[in-house]
Amino acid sequence: NEVRKNNRQPEALAVYAWALYKAGRLDDAERAVGAATQLGTMTRDAAFFAGRILADKGRTELAAQALRAAEQGRGAFVYKAEAAALLA
C-alpha cells in the first residue's frame, strides 16, 4: 500500500524492491529497481539495493554503476563494506 501511495518516490520503490529480493522474488525486484532508477536520485542504501539486485540478475555494468553511486554519495551508508566487496 505504501508503494502505491509513494509510487513516484525512488526510495519507496527501492525499499520495495529490496523486500521482494529478500522474499526471493528476484524478477519482481528487478522490475521495481528499474522503476526506482527511472524516477531519480536514490540514497546510498537504496543505490546499494539496486546494485545488489542487478548483480544477482547478471546485469553487471548497471550493478557497478549503482554501487559506484552508492559509494560516492553523501551521508550515512550502512552497506559500505558490502558495496566495496561487490565492486571488487
Protein backbone atom coordinates (compact mmCIF):
# COMPACT_ATOMS: atom_id res chain seq x y z
CA ASN A 1 0.00 0.00 0.00
CA GLU A 2 2.78 2.44 0.85
CA VAL A 3 4.38 1.85 -2.54
CA ARG A 4 1.11 2.66 -4.27
CA LYS A 5 0.88 5.92 -2.30
CA ASN A 6 4.52 6.80 -3.00
CA ASN A 7 4.98 5.31 -6.47
CA ARG A 8 6.80 8.46 -7.63
CA GLN A 9 9.44 8.20 -4.88
CA PRO A 10 12.58 6.28 -5.90
CA GLU A 11 13.35 5.49 -2.27
CA ALA A 12 9.98 3.82 -1.68
CA LEU A 13 10.38 1.68 -4.79
CA ALA A 14 13.95 0.74 -3.87
CA VAL A 15 12.88 -0.43 -0.42
CA TYR A 16 10.01 -2.36 -2.01
CA ALA A 17 12.50 -3.94 -4.44
CA TRP A 18 14.71 -4.95 -1.51
CA ALA A 19 11.76 -6.59 0.24
CA LEU A 20 10.94 -8.50 -2.95
CA TYR A 21 14.59 -9.53 -3.26
CA LYS A 22 14.68 -10.79 0.33
CA ALA A 23 11.47 -12.74 -0.36
CA GLY A 24 13.17 -14.49 -3.29
CA ARG A 25 11.20 -12.65 -5.97
CA LEU A 26 14.22 -11.57 -8.00
CA ASP A 27 12.38 -10.81 -11.26
CA ASP A 28 9.85 -8.60 -9.47
CA ALA A 29 12.67 -6.93 -7.54
CA GLU A 30 14.48 -6.15 -10.79
CA ARG A 31 11.34 -4.54 -12.22
CA ALA A 32 10.89 -2.42 -9.08
CA VAL A 33 14.55 -1.33 -9.22
CA GLY A 34 14.10 -0.35 -12.85
CA ALA A 35 11.14 1.82 -11.92
CA ALA A 36 13.07 3.37 -9.00
CA THR A 37 16.08 4.28 -11.11
CA GLN A 38 13.83 5.94 -13.69
CA LEU A 39 12.50 8.33 -11.05
CA GLY A 40 15.74 9.96 -9.99
CA THR A 41 18.48 10.00 -7.41
CA MET A 42 18.33 7.50 -4.57
CA THR A 43 20.00 7.42 -1.18
CA ARG A 44 23.21 5.46 -0.81
CA ASP A 45 21.46 2.48 0.76
CA ALA A 46 18.80 2.42 -1.96
CA ALA A 47 21.51 2.54 -4.64
CA PHE A 48 23.15 -0.43 -2.91
CA PHE A 49 19.84 -2.33 -3.01
CA ALA A 50 19.67 -1.66 -6.73
CA GLY A 51 23.26 -2.76 -7.25
CA ARG A 52 22.85 -5.98 -5.28
CA ILE A 53 19.68 -6.93 -7.15
CA LEU A 54 21.15 -6.11 -10.55
CA ALA A 55 24.34 -8.04 -9.75
CA ASP A 56 22.32 -11.11 -8.84
CA LYS A 57 20.44 -10.79 -12.12
CA GLY A 58 23.74 -10.74 -14.03
CA ARG A 59 23.40 -7.07 -15.05
CA THR A 60 26.98 -6.34 -14.00
CA GLU A 61 27.51 -2.97 -15.70
CA LEU A 62 24.29 -1.49 -14.32
CA ALA A 63 25.08 -3.01 -10.93
CA ALA A 64 28.53 -1.41 -10.94
CA GLN A 65 27.02 1.98 -11.80
CA ALA A 66 24.58 1.75 -8.91
CA LEU A 67 27.27 0.60 -6.48
CA ARG A 68 29.65 3.38 -7.53
CA ALA A 69 26.84 5.90 -6.99
CA ALA A 70 26.30 4.43 -3.53
CA GLU A 71 29.99 4.71 -2.68
CA GLN A 72 30.25 8.30 -3.92
CA GLY A 73 27.10 9.59 -2.25
CA ARG A 74 26.89 11.67 0.89
CA GLY A 75 25.58 10.72 4.28
CA ALA A 76 25.42 7.51 6.24
CA PHE A 77 25.86 4.27 4.34
CA VAL A 78 25.08 1.02 6.15
CA TYR A 79 26.17 -1.28 3.32
CA LYS A 80 29.57 0.32 2.58
CA ALA A 81 31.65 -2.85 3.11
CA GLU A 82 29.23 -5.00 1.12
CA ALA A 83 29.21 -2.50 -1.77
CA ALA A 84 33.01 -2.43 -1.86
CA ALA A 85 33.14 -6.23 -1.88
CA LEU A 86 30.65 -6.41 -4.76
CA LEU A 87 32.63 -3.88 -6.79
CA ALA A 88 35.88 -5.78 -6.23
